[in-house]
Amino acid sequence: MVTVTYTCPRCGAVVELERGAYLADKCVTPHPVEGWSYVPAYEVDPETTSDDAEDAYSAAGDGVELVCGASETRGEGCGEPFYLSFVRHEDGREVDPQVALGDAVRFEFGR
């Protein structure tokens, strides 16, 4: 498990999430991506073993619903949900989510 931080796309508050290091982030959006399924972050008990928490996030398949201002947030936050979408593959090819470019935060690692 690793602790990763995400920024709320509405108010800029920082939210922490413990998740499996093998999960690849695709984008963070204020609304769910059409066709993606999400598990709420609060449904994963932080007292579970690392393997159980990794299974819970990957069981959702596509991402995690975070609530800005919940216990994972540094500071107060705005109280609105936002969505972390993981990279998804179909037939061996990466699937691009259908989101408006203004809504998505892209990750450019290794540049």
PDB file of N, CA and C in Angstrom:
ATOM      1  N   MET A   1       0.843  -1.182   0.000  1.00  0.00           N
ATOM      2  CA  MET A   1       0.000   0.000   0.000  1.00  0.00           C
ATOM      3  C   MET A   1       0.888   1.245   0.000  1.00  0.00           C
ATOM      4  N   VAL A   2       0.409   2.259  -0.689  1.00  0.00           N
ATOM      5  CA  VAL A   2       1.077   3.554  -0.711  1.00  0.00           C
ATOM      6  C   VAL A   2       0.039   4.630  -0.408  1.00  0.00           C
ATOM      7  N   THR A   3       0.484   5.734   0.158  1.00  0.00           N
ATOM      8  CA  THR A   3      -0.400   6.872   0.377  1.00  0.00           C
ATOM      9  C   THR A   3      -0.177   7.847  -0.768  1.00  0.00           C
ATOM     10  N   VAL A   4      -1.266   8.152  -1.473  1.00  0.00           N
ATOM     11  CA  VAL A   4      -1.201   9.040  -2.630  1.00  0.00           C
ATOM     12  C   VAL A   4      -2.111  10.230  -2.348  1.00  0.00           C
ATOM     13  N   THR A   5      -1.704  11.423  -2.775  1.00  0.00           N
ATOM     14  CA  THR A   5      -2.532  12.607  -2.566  1.00  0.00           C
ATOM     15  C   THR A   5      -3.155  13.048  -3.882  1.00  0.00           C
ATOM     16  N   TYR A   6      -4.376  13.558  -3.773  1.00  0.00           N
ATOM     17  CA  TYR A   6      -5.126  14.065  -4.919  1.00  0.00           C
ATOM     18  C   TYR A   6      -5.680  15.428  -4.546  1.00  0.00           C
ATOM     19  N   THR A   7      -5.851  16.289  -5.532  1.00  0.00           N
ATOM     20  CA  THR A   7      -6.394  17.621  -5.316  1.00  0.00           C
ATOM     21  C   THR A   7      -7.837  17.655  -5.783  1.00  0.00           C
ATOM     22  N   CYS A   8      -8.725  18.173  -4.931  1.00  0.00           N
ATOM     23  CA  CYS A   8     -10.130  18.307  -5.299  1.00  0.00           C
ATOM     24  C   CYS A   8     -10.221  19.240  -6.505  1.00  0.00           C
ATOM     25  N   PRO A   9     -10.893  18.810  -7.585  1.00  0.00           N
ATOM     26  CA  PRO A   9     -10.985  19.666  -8.770  1.00  0.00           C
ATOM     27  C   PRO A   9     -11.886  20.879  -8.578  1.00  0.00           C
ATOM     28  N   ARG A  10     -12.637  20.922  -7.474  1.00  0.00           N
ATOM     29  CA  ARG A  10     -13.529  22.062  -7.228  1.00  0.00           C
ATOM     30  C   ARG A  10     -12.869  23.140  -6.369  1.00  0.00           C
ATOM     31  N   CYS A  11     -12.255  22.716  -5.243  1.00  0.00           N
ATOM     32  CA  CYS A  11     -11.761  23.725  -4.296  1.00  0.00           C
ATOM     33  C   CYS A  11     -10.253  23.679  -4.065  1.00  0.00           C
ATOM     34  N   GLY A  12      -9.576  22.643  -4.558  1.00  0.00           N
ATOM     35  CA  GLY A  12      -8.131  22.561  -4.408  1.00  0.00           C
ATOM     36  C   GLY A  12      -7.648  21.921  -3.123  1.00  0.00           C
ATOM     37  N   ALA A  13      -8.560  21.445  -2.260  1.00  0.00           N
ATOM     38  CA  ALA A  13      -8.149  20.767  -1.031  1.00  0.00           C
ATOM     39  C   ALA A  13      -7.412  19.479  -1.384  1.00  0.00           C
ATOM     40  N   VAL A  14      -6.493  19.067  -0.519  1.00  0.00           N
ATOM     41  CA  VAL A  14      -5.704  17.861  -0.748  1.00  0.00           C
ATOM     42  C   VAL A  14      -6.319  16.699   0.019  1.00  0.00           C
ATOM     43  N   VAL A  15      -6.510  15.574  -0.680  1.00  0.00           N
ATOM     44  CA  VAL A  15      -7.105  14.371  -0.106  1.00  0.00           C
ATOM     45  C   VAL A  15      -6.086  13.245  -0.210  1.00  0.00           C
ATOM     46  N   GLU A  16      -5.922  12.474   0.879  1.00  0.00           N
ATOM     47  CA  GLU A  16      -5.000  11.343   0.887  1.00  0.00           C
ATOM     48  C   GLU A  16      -5.771  10.045   0.741  1.00  0.00           C
ATOM     49  N   LEU A  17      -5.186   9.093   0.023  1.00  0.00           N
ATOM     50  CA  LEU A  17      -5.806   7.785  -0.167  1.00  0.00           C
ATOM     51  C   LEU A  17      -4.721   6.723  -0.099  1.00  0.00           C
ATOM     52  N   GLU A  18      -4.929   5.708   0.743  1.00  0.00           N
ATOM     53  CA  GLU A  18      -4.035   4.557   0.762  1.00  0.00           C
ATOM     54  C   GLU A  18      -4.579   3.551  -0.227  1.00  0.00           C
ATOM     55  N   ARG A  19      -3.726   3.143  -1.167  1.00  0.00           N
ATOM     56  CA  ARG A  19      -4.179   2.210  -2.198  1.00  0.00           C
ATOM     57  C   ARG A  19      -3.003   1.392  -2.691  1.00  0.00           C
ATOM     58  N   GLY A  20      -3.308   0.383  -3.469  1.00  0.00           N
ATOM     59  CA  GLY A  20      -2.266  -0.460  -4.025  1.00  0.00           C
ATOM     60  C   GLY A  20      -1.376   0.310  -4.980  1.00  0.00           C
ATOM     61  N   ALA A  21      -0.075   0.084  -4.886  1.00  0.00           N
ATOM     62  CA  ALA A  21       0.875   0.789  -5.747  1.00  0.00           C
ATOM     63  C   ALA A  21       0.740   0.369  -7.203  1.00  0.00           C
ATOM     64  N   TYR A  22       0.165  -0.799  -7.448  1.00  0.00           N
ATOM     65  CA  TYR A  22       0.041  -1.305  -8.818  1.00  0.00           C
ATOM     66  C   TYR A  22      -1.072  -0.618  -9.605  1.00  0.00           C
ATOM     67  N   LEU A  23      -1.990   0.080  -8.930  1.00  0.00           N
ATOM     68  CA  LEU A  23      -3.100   0.737  -9.621  1.00  0.00           C
ATOM     69  C   LEU A  23      -2.586   1.984 -10.346  1.00  0.00           C
ATOM     70  N   ALA A  24      -2.928   2.129 -11.604  1.00  0.00           N
ATOM     71  CA  ALA A  24      -2.456   3.261 -12.414  1.00  0.00           C
ATOM     72  C   ALA A  24      -3.557   4.314 -12.527  1.00  0.00           C
ATOM     73  N   ASP A  25      -3.249   5.540 -12.122  1.00  0.00           N
ATOM     74  CA  ASP A  25      -4.210   6.640 -12.198  1.00  0.00           C
ATOM     75  C   ASP A  25      -4.376   7.101 -13.640  1.00  0.00           C
ATOM     76  N   LYS A  26      -5.609   7.394 -14.020  1.00  0.00           N
ATOM     77  CA  LYS A  26      -5.903   7.940 -15.349  1.00  0.00           C
ATOM     78  C   LYS A  26      -6.242   9.426 -15.241  1.00  0.00           C
ATOM     79  N   CYS A  27      -7.261   9.764 -14.415  1.00  0.00           N
ATOM     80  CA  CYS A  27      -7.661  11.161 -14.275  1.00  0.00           C
ATOM     81  C   CYS A  27      -8.476  11.347 -12.998  1.00  0.00           C
ATOM     82  N   VAL A  28      -8.573  12.599 -12.567  1.00  0.00           N
ATOM     83  CA  VAL A  28      -9.412  13.004 -11.437  1.00  0.00           C
ATOM     84  C   VAL A  28     -10.422  13.997 -11.996  1.00  0.00           C
ATOM     85  N   THR A  29     -11.717  13.735 -11.755  1.00  0.00           N
ATOM     86  CA  THR A  29     -12.771  14.573 -12.330  1.00  0.00           C
ATOM     87  C   THR A  29     -13.828  14.908 -11.281  1.00  0.00           C
ATOM     88  N   PRO A  30     -14.546  16.016 -11.455  1.00  0.00           N
ATOM     89  CA  PRO A  30     -15.611  16.365 -10.511  1.00  0.00           C
ATOM     90  C   PRO A  30     -16.856  15.490 -10.674  1.00  0.00           C
ATOM     91  N   HIS A  31     -16.958  14.779 -11.795  1.00  0.00           N
ATOM     92  CA  HIS A  31     -18.122  13.927 -12.068  1.00  0.00           C
ATOM     93  C   HIS A  31     -17.631  12.543 -12.471  1.00  0.00           C
ATOM     94  N   PRO A  32     -18.432  11.496 -12.230  1.00  0.00           N
ATOM     95  CA  PRO A  32     -17.996  10.158 -12.641  1.00  0.00           C
ATOM     96  C   PRO A  32     -17.868  10.069 -14.160  1.00  0.00           C
ATOM     97  N   VAL A  33     -16.910   9.302 -14.605  1.00  0.00           N
ATOM     98  CA  VAL A  33     -16.709   9.085 -16.033  1.00  0.00           C
ATOM     99  C   VAL A  33     -17.751   8.075 -16.506  1.00  0.00           C
ATOM    100  N   GLU A  34     -18.398   8.379 -17.604  1.00  0.00           N
ATOM    101  CA  GLU A  34     -19.428   7.495 -18.139  1.00  0.00           C
ATOM    102  C   GLU A  34     -18.830   6.126 -18.464  1.00  0.00           C
ATOM    103  N   GLY A  35     -19.474   5.069 -17.937  1.00  0.00           N
ATOM    104  CA  GLY A  35     -19.018   3.712 -18.186  1.00  0.00           C
ATOM    105  C   GLY A  35     -18.042   3.177 -17.155  1.00  0.00           C
ATOM    106  N   TRP A  36     -17.519   4.026 -16.278  1.00  0.00           N
ATOM    107  CA  TRP A  36     -16.606   3.599 -15.215  1.00  0.00           C
ATOM    108  C   TRP A  36     -17.442   3.298 -13.965  1.00  0.00           C
ATOM    109  N   SER A  37     -16.986   2.347 -13.144  1.00  0.00           N
ATOM    110  CA  SER A  37     -17.647   2.071 -11.862  1.00  0.00           C
ATOM    111  C   SER A  37     -16.683   2.448 -10.736  1.00  0.00           C
ATOM    112  N   TYR A  38     -17.237   2.919  -9.614  1.00  0.00           N
ATOM    113  CA  TYR A  38     -16.421   3.452  -8.519  1.00  0.00           C
ATOM    114  C   TYR A  38     -16.815   2.826  -7.190  1.00  0.00           C
ATOM    115  N   VAL A  39     -15.828   2.659  -6.310  1.00  0.00           N
ATOM    116  CA  VAL A  39     -16.084   2.239  -4.938  1.00  0.00           C
ATOM    117  C   VAL A  39     -15.852   3.469  -4.060  1.00  0.00           C
ATOM    118  N   PRO A  40     -16.792   3.790  -3.158  1.00  0.00           N
ATOM    119  CA  PRO A  40     -16.568   4.925  -2.257  1.00  0.00           C
ATOM    120  C   PRO A  40     -15.377   4.655  -1.331  1.00  0.00           C
ATOM    121  N   ALA A  41     -14.517   5.634  -1.153  1.00  0.00           N
ATOM    122  CA  ALA A  41     -13.329   5.471  -0.314  1.00  0.00           C
ATOM    123  C   ALA A  41     -13.703   5.077   1.105  1.00  0.00           C
ATOM    124  N   TYR A  42     -14.833   5.572   1.610  1.00  0.00           N
ATOM    125  CA  TYR A  42     -15.222   5.275   2.987  1.00  0.00           C
ATOM    126  C   TYR A  42     -15.665   3.827   3.180  1.00  0.00           C
ATOM    127  N   GLU A  43     -15.911   3.086   2.103  1.00  0.00           N
ATOM    128  CA  GLU A  43     -16.306   1.686   2.238  1.00  0.00           C
ATOM    129  C   GLU A  43     -15.124   0.773   2.507  1.00  0.00           C
ATOM    130  N   VAL A  44     -13.907   1.272   2.336  1.00  0.00           N
ATOM    131  CA  VAL A  44     -12.722   0.479   2.619  1.00  0.00           C
ATOM    132  C   VAL A  44     -12.260   0.817   4.023  1.00  0.00           C
ATOM    133  N   ASP A  45     -12.323  -0.162   4.914  1.00  0.00           N
ATOM    134  CA  ASP A  45     -11.958   0.019   6.315  1.00  0.00           C
ATOM    135  C   ASP A  45     -10.444   0.141   6.435  1.00  0.00           C
ATOM    136  N   PRO A  46      -9.933   1.256   6.977  1.00  0.00           N
ATOM    137  CA  PRO A  46      -8.483   1.424   7.096  1.00  0.00           C
ATOM    138  C   PRO A  46      -7.844   0.409   8.039  1.00  0.00           C
ATOM    139  N   GLU A  47      -8.648  -0.277   8.850  1.00  0.00           N
ATOM    140  CA  GLU A  47      -8.118  -1.286   9.767  1.00  0.00           C
ATOM    141  C   GLU A  47      -7.936  -2.643   9.094  1.00  0.00           C
ATOM    142  N   THR A  48      -8.368  -2.789   7.845  1.00  0.00           N
ATOM    143  CA  THR A  48      -8.191  -4.052   7.142  1.00  0.00           C
ATOM    144  C   THR A  48      -6.732  -4.229   6.775  1.00  0.00           C
ATOM    145  N   THR A  49      -6.371  -5.431   6.403  1.00  0.00           N
ATOM    146  CA  THR A  49      -4.994  -5.664   5.977  1.00  0.00           C
ATOM    147  C   THR A  49      -4.757  -4.967   4.650  1.00  0.00           C
ATOM    148  N   SER A  50      -3.520  -4.746   4.319  1.00  0.00           N
ATOM    149  CA  SER A  50      -3.182  -4.084   3.059  1.00  0.00           C
ATOM    150  C   SER A  50      -3.758  -4.834   1.870  1.00  0.00           C
ATOM    151  N   ASP A  51      -3.659  -6.158   1.892  1.00  0.00           N
ATOM    152  CA  ASP A  51      -4.168  -6.944   0.765  1.00  0.00           C
ATOM    153  C   ASP A  51      -5.666  -6.773   0.610  1.00  0.00           C
ATOM    154  N   ASP A  52      -6.416  -6.731   1.733  1.00  0.00           N
ATOM    155  CA  ASP A  52      -7.866  -6.565   1.666  1.00  0.00           C
ATOM    156  C   ASP A  52      -8.241  -5.211   1.075  1.00  0.00           C
ATOM    157  N   ALA A  53      -7.541  -4.153   1.478  1.00  0.00           N
ATOM    158  CA  ALA A  53      -7.836  -2.814   0.961  1.00  0.00           C
ATOM    159  C   ALA A  53      -7.532  -2.746  -0.533  1.00  0.00           C
ATOM    160  N   GLU A  54      -6.425  -3.342  -0.960  1.00  0.00           N
ATOM    161  CA  GLU A  54      -6.102  -3.357  -2.388  1.00  0.00           C
ATOM    162  C   GLU A  54      -7.190  -4.068  -3.165  1.00  0.00           C
ATOM    163  N   ASP A  55      -7.675  -5.202  -2.629  1.00  0.00           N
ATOM    164  CA  ASP A  55      -8.734  -5.954  -3.298  1.00  0.00           C
ATOM    165  C   ASP A  55     -10.008  -5.133  -3.398  1.00  0.00           C
ATOM    166  N   ALA A  56     -10.334  -4.367  -2.362  1.00  0.00           N
ATOM    167  CA  ALA A  56     -11.570  -3.577  -2.365  1.00  0.00           C
ATOM    168  C   ALA A  56     -11.544  -2.522  -3.464  1.00  0.00           C
ATOM    169  N   TYR A  57     -10.414  -1.834  -3.636  1.00  0.00           N
ATOM    170  CA  TYR A  57     -10.332  -0.817  -4.682  1.00  0.00           C
ATOM    171  C   TYR A  57     -10.321  -1.448  -6.070  1.00  0.00           C
ATOM    172  N   SER A  58      -9.578  -2.527  -6.235  1.00  0.00           N
ATOM    173  CA  SER A  58      -9.523  -3.143  -7.560  1.00  0.00           C
ATOM    174  C   SER A  58     -10.812  -3.881  -7.889  1.00  0.00           C
ATOM    175  N   ALA A  59     -11.597  -4.279  -6.875  1.00  0.00           N
ATOM    176  CA  ALA A  59     -12.880  -4.944  -7.122  1.00  0.00           C
ATOM    177  C   ALA A  59     -13.849  -3.998  -7.825  1.00  0.00           C
ATOM    178  N   ALA A  60     -13.732  -2.696  -7.534  1.00  0.00           N
ATOM    179  CA  ALA A  60     -14.584  -1.721  -8.214  1.00  0.00           C
ATOM    180  C   ALA A  60     -14.218  -1.674  -9.687  1.00  0.00           C
ATOM    181  N   GLY A  61     -12.983  -2.011  -9.960  1.00  0.00           N
ATOM    182  CA  GLY A  61     -12.535  -2.120 -11.336  1.00  0.00           C
ATOM    183  C   GLY A  61     -12.022  -0.841 -11.948  1.00  0.00           C
ATOM    184  N   ASP A  62     -12.721   0.263 -11.713  1.00  0.00           N
ATOM    185  CA  ASP A  62     -12.416   1.442 -12.503  1.00  0.00           C
ATOM    186  C   ASP A  62     -11.980   2.672 -11.720  1.00  0.00           C
ATOM    187  N   GLY A  63     -12.289   2.772 -10.428  1.00  0.00           N
ATOM    188  CA  GLY A  63     -11.890   3.961  -9.697  1.00  0.00           C
ATOM    189  C   GLY A  63     -12.467   4.058  -8.311  1.00  0.00           C
ATOM    190  N   VAL A  64     -12.233   5.226  -7.698  1.00  0.00           N
ATOM    191  CA  VAL A  64     -12.631   5.484  -6.316  1.00  0.00           C
ATOM    192  C   VAL A  64     -13.384   6.808  -6.253  1.00  0.00           C
ATOM    193  N   GLU A  65     -14.499   6.811  -5.515  1.00  0.00           N
ATOM    194  CA  GLU A  65     -15.231   8.046  -5.240  1.00  0.00           C
ATOM    195  C   GLU A  65     -14.685   8.626  -3.941  1.00  0.00           C
ATOM    196  N   LEU A  66     -14.195   9.849  -3.995  1.00  0.00           N
ATOM    197  CA  LEU A  66     -13.670  10.547  -2.823  1.00  0.00           C
ATOM    198  C   LEU A  66     -14.613  11.685  -2.470  1.00  0.00           C
ATOM    199  N   VAL A  67     -14.716  11.996  -1.185  1.00  0.00           N
ATOM    200  CA  VAL A  67     -15.524  13.136  -0.757  1.00  0.00           C
ATOM    201  C   VAL A  67     -14.588  14.157  -0.135  1.00  0.00           C
ATOM    202  N   CYS A  68     -14.528  15.318  -0.734  1.00  0.00           N
ATOM    203  CA  CYS A  68     -13.688  16.400  -0.241  1.00  0.00           C
ATOM    204  C   CYS A  68     -14.224  16.859   1.111  1.00  0.00           C
ATOM    205  N   GLY A  69     -13.371  16.855   2.112  1.00  0.00           N
ATOM    206  CA  GLY A  69     -13.791  17.234   3.451  1.00  0.00           C
ATOM    207  C   GLY A  69     -13.986  16.044   4.366  1.00  0.00           C
ATOM    208  N   ALA A  70     -13.962  14.827   3.819  1.00  0.00           N
ATOM    209  CA  ALA A  70     -14.070  13.624   4.643  1.00  0.00           C
ATOM    210  C   ALA A  70     -12.761  13.440   5.407  1.00  0.00           C
ATOM    211  N   SER A  71     -12.675  12.392   6.186  1.00  0.00           N
ATOM    212  CA  SER A  71     -11.516  12.188   7.052  1.00  0.00           C
ATOM    213  C   SER A  71     -10.195  12.102   6.289  1.00  0.00           C
ATOM    214  N   GLU A  72     -10.240  11.776   5.004  1.00  0.00           N
ATOM    215  CA  GLU A  72      -9.024  11.675   4.203  1.00  0.00           C
ATOM    216  C   GLU A  72      -8.488  13.039   3.775  1.00  0.00           C
ATOM    217  N   THR A  73      -9.245  14.116   4.026  1.00  0.00           N
ATOM    218  CA  THR A  73      -8.901  15.452   3.532  1.00  0.00           C
ATOM    219  C   THR A  73      -8.029  16.207   4.526  1.00  0.00           C
ATOM    220  N   ARG A  74      -7.007  16.877   3.996  1.00  0.00           N
ATOM    221  CA  ARG A  74      -6.208  17.792   4.816  1.00  0.00           C
ATOM    222  C   ARG A  74      -6.965  19.114   4.839  1.00  0.00           C
ATOM    223  N   GLY A  75      -7.446  19.525   5.971  1.00  0.00           N
ATOM    224  CA  GLY A  75      -8.234  20.752   6.059  1.00  0.00           C
ATOM    225  C   GLY A  75      -9.711  20.457   5.939  1.00  0.00           C
ATOM    226  N   GLU A  76     -10.495  21.507   5.651  1.00  0.00           N
ATOM    227  CA  GLU A  76     -11.948  21.367   5.646  1.00  0.00           C
ATOM    228  C   GLU A  76     -12.516  20.809   4.352  1.00  0.00           C
ATOM    229  N   GLY A  77     -12.141  21.306   3.216  1.00  0.00           N
ATOM    230  CA  GLY A  77     -12.698  20.847   1.946  1.00  0.00           C
ATOM    231  C   GLY A  77     -14.084  21.404   1.702  1.00  0.00           C
ATOM    232  N   CYS A  78     -14.640  21.074   0.526  1.00  0.00           N
ATOM    233  CA  CYS A  78     -15.927  21.644   0.114  1.00  0.00           C
ATOM    234  C   CYS A  78     -17.111  20.706   0.340  1.00  0.00           C
ATOM    235  N   GLY A  79     -16.854  19.446   0.698  1.00  0.00           N
ATOM    236  CA  GLY A  79     -17.940  18.506   0.959  1.00  0.00           C
ATOM    237  C   GLY A  79     -18.499  17.820  -0.271  1.00  0.00           C
ATOM    238  N   GLU A  80     -17.985  18.136  -1.450  1.00  0.00           N
ATOM    239  CA  GLU A  80     -18.491  17.555  -2.701  1.00  0.00           C
ATOM    240  C   GLU A  80     -17.698  16.300  -3.082  1.00  0.00           C
ATOM    241  N   PRO A  81     -18.352  15.343  -3.732  1.00  0.00           N
ATOM    242  CA  PRO A  81     -17.616  14.163  -4.207  1.00  0.00           C
ATOM    243  C   PRO A  81     -16.806  14.485  -5.458  1.00  0.00           C
ATOM    244  N   PHE A  82     -15.715  13.747  -5.651  1.00  0.00           N
ATOM    245  CA  PHE A  82     -14.988  13.766  -6.918  1.00  0.00           C
ATOM    246  C   PHE A  82     -14.455  12.367  -7.167  1.00  0.00           C
ATOM    247  N   TYR A  83     -13.952  12.126  -8.359  1.00  0.00           N
ATOM    248  CA  TYR A  83     -13.723  10.759  -8.806  1.00  0.00           C
ATOM    249  C   TYR A  83     -12.313  10.554  -9.345  1.00  0.00           C
ATOM    250  N   LEU A  84     -11.648   9.532  -8.806  1.00  0.00           N
ATOM    251  CA  LEU A  84     -10.350   9.084  -9.290  1.00  0.00           C
ATOM    252  C   LEU A  84     -10.610   7.893 -10.203  1.00  0.00           C
ATOM    253  N   SER A  85     -10.230   8.015 -11.453  1.00  0.00           N
ATOM    254  CA  SER A  85     -10.412   6.925 -12.416  1.00  0.00           C
ATOM    255  C   SER A  85      -9.065   6.268 -12.688  1.00  0.00           C
ATOM    256  N   PHE A  86      -9.054   4.939 -12.652  1.00  0.00           N
ATOM    257  CA  PHE A  86      -7.842   4.183 -12.946  1.00  0.00           C
ATOM    258  C   PHE A  86      -7.768   3.884 -14.442  1.00  0.00           C
ATOM    259  N   VAL A  87      -6.582   3.571 -14.913  1.00  0.00           N
ATOM    260  CA  VAL A  87      -6.399   3.144 -16.295  1.00  0.00           C
ATOM    261  C   VAL A  87      -7.174   1.843 -16.481  1.00  0.00           C
ATOM    262  N   ARG A  88      -7.886   1.748 -17.570  1.00  0.00           N
ATOM    263  CA  ARG A  88      -8.688   0.557 -17.870  1.00  0.00           C
ATOM    264  C   ARG A  88      -8.310   0.037 -19.255  1.00  0.00           C
ATOM    265  N   HIS A  89      -8.316  -1.283 -19.399  1.00  0.00           N
ATOM    266  CA  HIS A  89      -7.977  -1.913 -20.680  1.00  0.00           C
ATOM    267  C   HIS A  89      -9.119  -2.788 -21.168  1.00  0.00           C
ATOM    268  N   GLU A  90      -9.343  -2.782 -22.456  1.00  0.00           N
ATOM    269  CA  GLU A  90     -10.281  -3.689 -23.115  1.00  0.00           C
ATOM    270  C   GLU A  90      -9.589  -4.239 -24.350  1.00  0.00           C
ATOM    271  N   ASP A  91      -9.619  -5.535 -24.496  1.00  0.00           N
ATOM    272  CA  ASP A  91      -8.969  -6.196 -25.636  1.00  0.00           C
ATOM    273  C   ASP A  91      -7.501  -5.799 -25.755  1.00  0.00           C
ATOM    274  N   GLY A  92      -6.833  -5.642 -24.604  1.00  0.00           N
ATOM    275  CA  GLY A  92      -5.412  -5.323 -24.593  1.00  0.00           C
ATOM    276  C   GLY A  92      -5.062  -3.878 -24.899  1.00  0.00           C
ATOM    277  N   ARG A  93      -6.070  -3.023 -25.047  1.00  0.00           N
ATOM    278  CA  ARG A  93      -5.819  -1.608 -25.344  1.00  0.00           C
ATOM    279  C   ARG A  93      -6.380  -0.727 -24.241  1.00  0.00           C
ATOM    280  N   GLU A  94      -5.643   0.357 -23.967  1.00  0.00           N
ATOM    281  CA  GLU A  94      -6.104   1.307 -22.954  1.00  0.00           C
ATOM    282  C   GLU A  94      -7.357   2.029 -23.448  1.00  0.00           C
ATOM    283  N   VAL A  95      -8.345   2.129 -22.560  1.00  0.00           N
ATOM    284  CA  VAL A  95      -9.600   2.809 -22.877  1.00  0.00           C
ATOM    285  C   VAL A  95      -9.495   4.246 -22.395  1.00  0.00           C
ATOM    286  N   ASP A  96      -9.801   5.195 -23.273  1.00  0.00           N
ATOM    287  CA  ASP A  96      -9.814   6.602 -22.883  1.00  0.00           C
ATOM    288  C   ASP A  96     -11.201   6.966 -22.384  1.00  0.00           C
ATOM    289  N   PRO A  97     -11.288   7.567 -21.193  1.00  0.00           N
ATOM    290  CA  PRO A  97     -12.599   7.989 -20.699  1.00  0.00           C
ATOM    291  C   PRO A  97     -13.132   9.139 -21.534  1.00  0.00           C
ATOM    292  N   GLN A  98     -14.423   9.203 -21.659  1.00  0.00           N
ATOM    293  CA  GLN A  98     -15.066  10.282 -22.406  1.00  0.00           C
ATOM    294  C   GLN A  98     -15.399  11.413 -21.438  1.00  0.00           C
ATOM    295  N   VAL A  99     -14.431  12.306 -21.210  1.00  0.00           N
ATOM    296  CA  VAL A  99     -14.636  13.454 -20.327  1.00  0.00           C
ATOM    297  C   VAL A  99     -14.252  14.714 -21.078  1.00  0.00           C
ATOM    298  N   ALA A 100     -14.879  15.806 -20.676  1.00  0.00           N
ATOM    299  CA  ALA A 100     -14.505  17.101 -21.245  1.00  0.00           C
ATOM    300  C   ALA A 100     -13.097  17.433 -20.778  1.00  0.00           C
ATOM    301  N   LEU A 101     -12.251  17.915 -21.656  1.00  0.00           N
ATOM    302  CA  LEU A 101     -10.866  18.196 -21.296  1.00  0.00           C
ATOM    303  C   LEU A 101     -10.755  19.158 -20.125  1.00  0.00           C
ATOM    304  N   GLY A 102     -11.690  20.057 -19.982  1.00  0.00           N
ATOM    305  CA  GLY A 102     -11.662  20.997 -18.868  1.00  0.00           C
ATOM    306  C   GLY A 102     -11.947  20.339 -17.533  1.00  0.00           C
ATOM    307  N   ASP A 103     -12.599  19.165 -17.536  1.00  0.00           N
ATOM    308  CA  ASP A 103     -12.944  18.463 -16.302  1.00  0.00           C
ATOM    309  C   ASP A 103     -11.845  17.548 -15.802  1.00  0.00           C
ATOM    310  N   ALA A 104     -10.928  17.149 -16.641  1.00  0.00           N
ATOM    311  CA  ALA A 104      -9.963  16.110 -16.288  1.00  0.00           C
ATOM    312  C   ALA A 104      -8.624  16.699 -15.875  1.00  0.00           C
ATOM    313  N   VAL A 105      -7.986  16.019 -14.938  1.00  0.00           N
ATOM    314  CA  VAL A 105      -6.613  16.305 -14.563  1.00  0.00           C
ATOM    315  C   VAL A 105      -5.803  15.131 -15.083  1.00  0.00           C
ATOM    316  N   ARG A 106      -4.878  15.363 -15.971  1.00  0.00           N
ATOM    317  CA  ARG A 106      -4.075  14.289 -16.562  1.00  0.00           C
ATOM    318  C   ARG A 106      -2.783  14.127 -15.768  1.00  0.00           C
ATOM    319  N   PHE A 107      -2.281  12.914 -15.730  1.00  0.00           N
ATOM    320  CA  PHE A 107      -1.030  12.608 -15.060  1.00  0.00           C
ATOM    321  C   PHE A 107       0.027  12.353 -16.119  1.00  0.00           C
ATOM    322  N   GLU A 108       1.131  13.077 -16.059  1.00  0.00           N
ATOM    323  CA  GLU A 108       2.220  12.938 -17.022  1.00  0.00           C
ATOM    324  C   GLU A 108       3.479  12.572 -16.245  1.00  0.00           C
ATOM    325  N   PHE A 109       3.662  11.279 -15.965  1.00  0.00           N
ATOM    326  CA  PHE A 109       4.821  10.831 -15.209  1.00  0.00           C
ATOM    327  C   PHE A 109       5.980  10.537 -16.159  1.00  0.00           C
ATOM    328  N   GLY A 110       7.183  10.701 -15.661  1.00  0.00           N
ATOM    329  CA  GLY A 110       8.362  10.320 -16.423  1.00  0.00           C
ATOM    330  C   GLY A 110       8.776  11.294 -17.505  1.00  0.00           C
ATOM    331  N   ARG A 111       8.346  12.516 -17.405  1.00  0.00           N
ATOM    332  CA  ARG A 111       8.732  13.507 -18.416  1.00  0.00           C
ATOM    333  C   ARG A 111       9.977  14.201 -18.012  1.00  0.00           C
TER     334      ARG A 111
END
